[in-house]
Amino acid sequence: VGNFDCEKTFPRGLLPVSEAAHKNGLTFMVWFEHERVNKNSDTAKEHPEWLLENGDPENPYRMFTLFREDAYLWLRDNLFRMVRESGIDIFRVDFNRGPLPYWRNHEAEDRRGFMENHHITNLYRLWDELMTEFPGLLIDNCAGGGGRLDYELLSRSVPLWRSDSGCYPSDEVH
């Protein structure tokens, strides 16, 4: 998470995979988790100012500052490029982080909620702009184990997998 280019093992990107799927009457889905960024990823190296830490020095993940306009536009343009260049039909979005510690770790007491409000507003904006730019694009709200099944996101997406609870043999969800 945090890289927006294909590995070298895909020298022509994902388009050949998409073309093969389409040739066989299938749709092509790519799984994104654009709000979570590994501290060793390209994004972390190129734009550390766009990342939030949650206060745990052992945590290798950062949260992308979707609330910053410059960061938002950079991310949007990269995601648009990937959808366009890869022939993506289904844009699957996951979010495996609880965002509150990241926001709280960077907000003053009298500014609580500012980052969250702008982050979520820009998340809705991003999905709206994706659907406008790519009519017919389906957004699968993987929902981070069901944590993102709010009315606004559901009006823009479908949850093909609503909870991670079915992934584990016990009642405990990891």
C-alpha atoms as a PDB file:
ATOM      1  CA  VAL A   1       0.000   0.000   0.000  1.00  0.00           C
ATOM      2  CA  GLY A   2       1.286   3.392  -0.987  1.00  0.00           C
ATOM      3  CA  ASN A   3       2.591   2.483  -4.452  1.00  0.00           C
ATOM      4  CA  PHE A   4       0.650   3.540  -7.522  1.00  0.00           C
ATOM      5  CA  ASP A   5       2.699   1.890 -10.243  1.00  0.00           C
ATOM      6  CA  CYS A   6       2.902  -1.748 -11.247  1.00  0.00           C
ATOM      7  CA  GLU A   7       5.791  -3.927 -10.231  1.00  0.00           C
ATOM      8  CA  LYS A   8       8.518  -4.592 -12.800  1.00  0.00           C
ATOM      9  CA  THR A   9       7.030  -8.056 -13.298  1.00  0.00           C
ATOM     10  CA  PHE A  10       4.223  -6.234 -15.160  1.00  0.00           C
ATOM     11  CA  PRO A  11       6.291  -4.194 -17.661  1.00  0.00           C
ATOM     12  CA  ARG A  12       3.153  -3.254 -19.655  1.00  0.00           C
ATOM     13  CA  GLY A  13       1.079  -2.610 -16.556  1.00  0.00           C
ATOM     14  CA  LEU A  14      -2.240  -4.302 -15.923  1.00  0.00           C
ATOM     15  CA  LEU A  15      -3.777  -3.560 -19.325  1.00  0.00           C
ATOM     16  CA  PRO A  16      -2.891  -6.989 -20.823  1.00  0.00           C
ATOM     17  CA  VAL A  17      -4.685  -8.648 -17.899  1.00  0.00           C
ATOM     18  CA  SER A  18      -7.698  -6.393 -18.361  1.00  0.00           C
ATOM     19  CA  GLU A  19      -7.754  -7.006 -22.113  1.00  0.00           C
ATOM     20  CA  ALA A  20      -7.644 -10.769 -21.578  1.00  0.00           C
ATOM     21  CA  ALA A  21     -10.525 -10.543 -19.106  1.00  0.00           C
ATOM     22  CA  HIS A  22     -12.595  -8.420 -21.492  1.00  0.00           C
ATOM     23  CA  LYS A  23     -11.802 -10.728 -24.426  1.00  0.00           C
ATOM     24  CA  ASN A  24     -13.309 -13.584 -22.400  1.00  0.00           C
ATOM     25  CA  GLY A  25     -16.427 -11.651 -21.394  1.00  0.00           C
ATOM     26  CA  LEU A  26     -15.202 -10.880 -17.873  1.00  0.00           C
ATOM     27  CA  THR A  27     -14.869  -7.666 -15.940  1.00  0.00           C
ATOM     28  CA  PHE A  28     -11.611  -6.554 -14.360  1.00  0.00           C
ATOM     29  CA  MET A  29     -11.403  -5.533 -10.712  1.00  0.00           C
ATOM     30  CA  VAL A  30      -8.402  -4.014  -8.929  1.00  0.00           C
ATOM     31  CA  TRP A  31      -8.248  -3.764  -5.154  1.00  0.00           C
ATOM     32  CA  PHE A  32      -7.107  -0.388  -3.803  1.00  0.00           C
ATOM     33  CA  GLU A  33      -6.363   0.740  -0.308  1.00  0.00           C
ATOM     34  CA  HIS A  34      -5.305   4.277  -1.086  1.00  0.00           C
ATOM     35  CA  GLU A  35      -5.769   5.751   2.392  1.00  0.00           C
ATOM     36  CA  ARG A  36      -3.292   3.364   4.052  1.00  0.00           C
ATOM     37  CA  VAL A  37       0.371   3.894   3.200  1.00  0.00           C
ATOM     38  CA  ASN A  38       3.318   1.727   4.180  1.00  0.00           C
ATOM     39  CA  LYS A  39       6.176   3.805   5.587  1.00  0.00           C
ATOM     40  CA  ASN A  40       8.551   2.250   3.015  1.00  0.00           C
ATOM     41  CA  SER A  41       6.341   2.860  -0.034  1.00  0.00           C
ATOM     42  CA  ASP A  42       6.969   5.272  -2.885  1.00  0.00           C
ATOM     43  CA  THR A  43       4.344   7.670  -1.557  1.00  0.00           C
ATOM     44  CA  ALA A  44       5.956   7.739   1.898  1.00  0.00           C
ATOM     45  CA  LYS A  45       9.363   8.442   0.389  1.00  0.00           C
ATOM     46  CA  GLU A  46       8.153  11.104  -2.052  1.00  0.00           C
ATOM     47  CA  HIS A  47       5.540  12.847   0.110  1.00  0.00           C
ATOM     48  CA  PRO A  48       6.058  12.236   3.839  1.00  0.00           C
ATOM     49  CA  GLU A  49       4.283  15.546   4.519  1.00  0.00           C
ATOM     50  CA  TRP A  50       1.027  13.951   3.310  1.00  0.00           C
ATOM     51  CA  LEU A  51       1.050  11.164   5.881  1.00  0.00           C
ATOM     52  CA  LEU A  52      -0.195  10.882   9.459  1.00  0.00           C
ATOM     53  CA  GLU A  53       1.168   8.572  12.148  1.00  0.00           C
ATOM     54  CA  ASN A  54      -1.065   7.147  14.854  1.00  0.00           C
ATOM     55  CA  GLY A  55       1.442   7.594  17.692  1.00  0.00           C
ATOM     56  CA  ASP A  56       2.599   3.964  17.775  1.00  0.00           C
ATOM     57  CA  PRO A  57       6.283   3.856  16.743  1.00  0.00           C
ATOM     58  CA  GLU A  58       5.985   0.139  15.860  1.00  0.00           C
ATOM     59  CA  ASN A  59       3.162   0.708  13.368  1.00  0.00           C
ATOM     60  CA  PRO A  60       4.512   0.528   9.794  1.00  0.00           C
ATOM     61  CA  TYR A  61       1.411   2.182   8.347  1.00  0.00           C
ATOM     62  CA  ARG A  62       0.533   5.806   7.832  1.00  0.00           C
ATOM     63  CA  MET A  63      -2.728   7.396   6.824  1.00  0.00           C
ATOM     64  CA  PHE A  64      -2.942   9.483   3.676  1.00  0.00           C
ATOM     65  CA  THR A  65      -4.086  13.056   4.297  1.00  0.00           C
ATOM     66  CA  LEU A  66      -7.056  13.043   1.970  1.00  0.00           C
ATOM     67  CA  PHE A  67      -8.166  16.303   3.593  1.00  0.00           C
ATOM     68  CA  ARG A  68      -5.245  18.255   2.078  1.00  0.00           C
ATOM     69  CA  GLU A  69      -6.126  19.640  -1.346  1.00  0.00           C
ATOM     70  CA  ASP A  70      -2.658  19.117  -2.854  1.00  0.00           C
ATOM     71  CA  ALA A  71      -2.554  15.525  -1.600  1.00  0.00           C
ATOM     72  CA  TYR A  72      -6.136  14.916  -2.740  1.00  0.00           C
ATOM     73  CA  LEU A  73      -5.433  16.114  -6.291  1.00  0.00           C
ATOM     74  CA  TRP A  74      -2.247  14.052  -6.538  1.00  0.00           C
ATOM     75  CA  LEU A  75      -4.054  10.912  -5.379  1.00  0.00           C
ATOM     76  CA  ARG A  76      -7.066  11.534  -7.614  1.00  0.00           C
ATOM     77  CA  ASP A  77      -4.863  12.015 -10.665  1.00  0.00           C
ATOM     78  CA  ASN A  78      -2.900   8.820  -9.913  1.00  0.00           C
ATOM     79  CA  LEU A  79      -6.073   6.802  -9.423  1.00  0.00           C
ATOM     80  CA  PHE A  80      -7.587   8.217 -12.628  1.00  0.00           C
ATOM     81  CA  ARG A  81      -4.395   7.297 -14.483  1.00  0.00           C
ATOM     82  CA  MET A  82      -4.481   3.763 -13.109  1.00  0.00           C
ATOM     83  CA  VAL A  83      -8.146   3.208 -14.004  1.00  0.00           C
ATOM     84  CA  ARG A  84      -7.607   4.635 -17.492  1.00  0.00           C
ATOM     85  CA  GLU A  85      -4.321   2.826 -18.251  1.00  0.00           C
ATOM     86  CA  SER A  86      -5.435  -0.493 -16.779  1.00  0.00           C
ATOM     87  CA  GLY A  87      -8.956  -0.780 -18.168  1.00  0.00           C
ATOM     88  CA  ILE A  88     -10.434  -1.218 -14.702  1.00  0.00           C
ATOM     89  CA  ASP A  89     -14.164  -2.002 -14.534  1.00  0.00           C
ATOM     90  CA  ILE A  90     -14.517  -2.432 -10.775  1.00  0.00           C
ATOM     91  CA  PHE A  91     -12.639  -0.155  -8.396  1.00  0.00           C
ATOM     92  CA  ARG A  92     -12.457  -2.047  -5.115  1.00  0.00           C
ATOM     93  CA  VAL A  93     -11.748   0.143  -2.087  1.00  0.00           C
ATOM     94  CA  ASP A  94     -10.605  -1.192   1.267  1.00  0.00           C
ATOM     95  CA  PHE A  95      -9.610   0.638   4.437  1.00  0.00           C
ATOM     96  CA  ASN A  96      -7.968  -1.529   7.072  1.00  0.00           C
ATOM     97  CA  ARG A  97      -7.176   1.181   9.575  1.00  0.00           C
ATOM     98  CA  GLY A  98      -9.210   2.829  12.279  1.00  0.00           C
ATOM     99  CA  PRO A  99      -8.603   6.470  11.314  1.00  0.00           C
ATOM    100  CA  LEU A 100      -9.420   8.197  14.602  1.00  0.00           C
ATOM    101  CA  PRO A 101      -5.986   7.707  16.283  1.00  0.00           C
ATOM    102  CA  TYR A 102      -4.288   9.173  13.219  1.00  0.00           C
ATOM    103  CA  TRP A 103      -6.454  12.289  13.221  1.00  0.00           C
ATOM    104  CA  ARG A 104      -6.346  12.728  17.001  1.00  0.00           C
ATOM    105  CA  ASN A 105      -2.559  12.396  17.051  1.00  0.00           C
ATOM    106  CA  HIS A 106      -2.330  15.470  14.784  1.00  0.00           C
ATOM    107  CA  GLU A 107      -5.194  17.708  15.894  1.00  0.00           C
ATOM    108  CA  ALA A 108      -5.208  20.330  18.590  1.00  0.00           C
ATOM    109  CA  GLU A 109      -7.901  19.862  21.233  1.00  0.00           C
ATOM    110  CA  ASP A 110      -9.900  22.818  19.899  1.00  0.00           C
ATOM    111  CA  ARG A 111      -9.714  21.478  16.298  1.00  0.00           C
ATOM    112  CA  ARG A 112     -11.015  17.934  16.918  1.00  0.00           C
ATOM    113  CA  GLY A 113     -13.049  16.735  13.956  1.00  0.00           C
ATOM    114  CA  PHE A 114     -11.553  19.122  11.387  1.00  0.00           C
ATOM    115  CA  MET A 115      -9.377  16.498   9.665  1.00  0.00           C
ATOM    116  CA  GLU A 116     -12.087  13.847   9.860  1.00  0.00           C
ATOM    117  CA  ASN A 117     -14.711  16.129   8.317  1.00  0.00           C
ATOM    118  CA  HIS A 118     -12.533  17.173   5.405  1.00  0.00           C
ATOM    119  CA  HIS A 119     -11.160  13.655   4.895  1.00  0.00           C
ATOM    120  CA  ILE A 120     -14.620  12.106   4.609  1.00  0.00           C
ATOM    121  CA  THR A 121     -15.926  14.963   2.455  1.00  0.00           C
ATOM    122  CA  ASN A 122     -13.020  14.434   0.061  1.00  0.00           C
ATOM    123  CA  LEU A 123     -13.572  10.677   0.085  1.00  0.00           C
ATOM    124  CA  TYR A 124     -17.138  11.266  -1.162  1.00  0.00           C
ATOM    125  CA  ARG A 125     -15.781  13.793  -3.666  1.00  0.00           C
ATOM    126  CA  LEU A 126     -13.211  11.282  -4.930  1.00  0.00           C
ATOM    127  CA  TRP A 127     -15.802   8.603  -5.544  1.00  0.00           C
ATOM    128  CA  ASP A 128     -18.101  11.127  -7.271  1.00  0.00           C
ATOM    129  CA  GLU A 129     -15.269  12.274  -9.520  1.00  0.00           C
ATOM    130  CA  LEU A 130     -14.301   8.683 -10.352  1.00  0.00           C
ATOM    131  CA  MET A 131     -17.861   7.903 -11.425  1.00  0.00           C
ATOM    132  CA  THR A 132     -18.083  11.120 -13.466  1.00  0.00           C
ATOM    133  CA  GLU A 133     -14.747  10.517 -15.190  1.00  0.00           C
ATOM    134  CA  PHE A 134     -15.465   6.825 -15.813  1.00  0.00           C
ATOM    135  CA  PRO A 135     -19.188   6.287 -16.443  1.00  0.00           C
ATOM    136  CA  GLY A 136     -20.038   2.676 -15.745  1.00  0.00           C
ATOM    137  CA  LEU A 137     -17.199   2.209 -13.254  1.00  0.00           C
ATOM    138  CA  LEU A 138     -18.429   0.156 -10.336  1.00  0.00           C
ATOM    139  CA  ILE A 139     -17.033   0.945  -6.897  1.00  0.00           C
ATOM    140  CA  ASP A 140     -16.885  -2.000  -4.528  1.00  0.00           C
ATOM    141  CA  ASN A 141     -16.849  -0.692  -0.969  1.00  0.00           C
ATOM    142  CA  CYS A 142     -14.909  -3.489   0.684  1.00  0.00           C
ATOM    143  CA  ALA A 143     -15.534  -1.387   3.776  1.00  0.00           C
ATOM    144  CA  GLY A 144     -12.618  -2.421   5.986  1.00  0.00           C
ATOM    145  CA  GLY A 145     -14.545  -5.223   7.632  1.00  0.00           C
ATOM    146  CA  GLY A 146     -17.847  -3.365   7.521  1.00  0.00           C
ATOM    147  CA  GLY A 147     -16.654  -0.118   9.057  1.00  0.00           C
ATOM    148  CA  ARG A 148     -17.434   1.951   5.987  1.00  0.00           C
ATOM    149  CA  LEU A 149     -21.043   1.050   5.310  1.00  0.00           C
ATOM    150  CA  ASP A 150     -22.528   4.523   5.730  1.00  0.00           C
ATOM    151  CA  TYR A 151     -25.429   5.861   3.659  1.00  0.00           C
ATOM    152  CA  GLU A 152     -23.309   8.260   1.633  1.00  0.00           C
ATOM    153  CA  LEU A 153     -20.797   5.615   0.564  1.00  0.00           C
ATOM    154  CA  LEU A 154     -23.552   3.083  -0.071  1.00  0.00           C
ATOM    155  CA  SER A 155     -25.203   5.584  -2.437  1.00  0.00           C
ATOM    156  CA  ARG A 156     -21.975   5.546  -4.470  1.00  0.00           C
ATOM    157  CA  SER A 157     -20.941   1.914  -4.219  1.00  0.00           C
ATOM    158  CA  VAL A 158     -21.857  -1.679  -3.530  1.00  0.00           C
ATOM    159  CA  PRO A 159     -20.319  -3.804  -0.783  1.00  0.00           C
ATOM    160  CA  LEU A 160     -19.426  -7.061  -2.520  1.00  0.00           C
ATOM    161  CA  TRP A 161     -17.961  -8.255   0.787  1.00  0.00           C
ATOM    162  CA  ARG A 162     -19.540  -6.541   3.773  1.00  0.00           C
ATOM    163  CA  SER A 163     -17.529  -7.996   6.631  1.00  0.00           C
ATOM    164  CA  ASP A 164     -14.245  -9.775   7.257  1.00  0.00           C
ATOM    165  CA  SER A 165     -15.868 -11.935   9.943  1.00  0.00           C
ATOM    166  CA  GLY A 166     -16.329 -14.792   7.465  1.00  0.00           C
ATOM    167  CA  CYS A 167     -12.564 -15.009   6.965  1.00  0.00           C
ATOM    168  CA  TYR A 168     -11.837 -16.381  10.404  1.00  0.00           C
ATOM    169  CA  PRO A 169     -12.798 -19.780  11.824  1.00  0.00           C
ATOM    170  CA  SER A 170     -13.418 -18.426  15.313  1.00  0.00           C
ATOM    171  CA  ASP A 171     -15.726 -15.651  16.485  1.00  0.00           C
ATOM    172  CA  GLU A 172     -12.727 -13.384  16.987  1.00  0.00           C
ATOM    173  CA  VAL A 173     -12.173 -10.902  14.143  1.00  0.00           C
ATOM    174  CA  HIS A 174      -8.532  -9.854  13.719  1.00  0.00           C
END
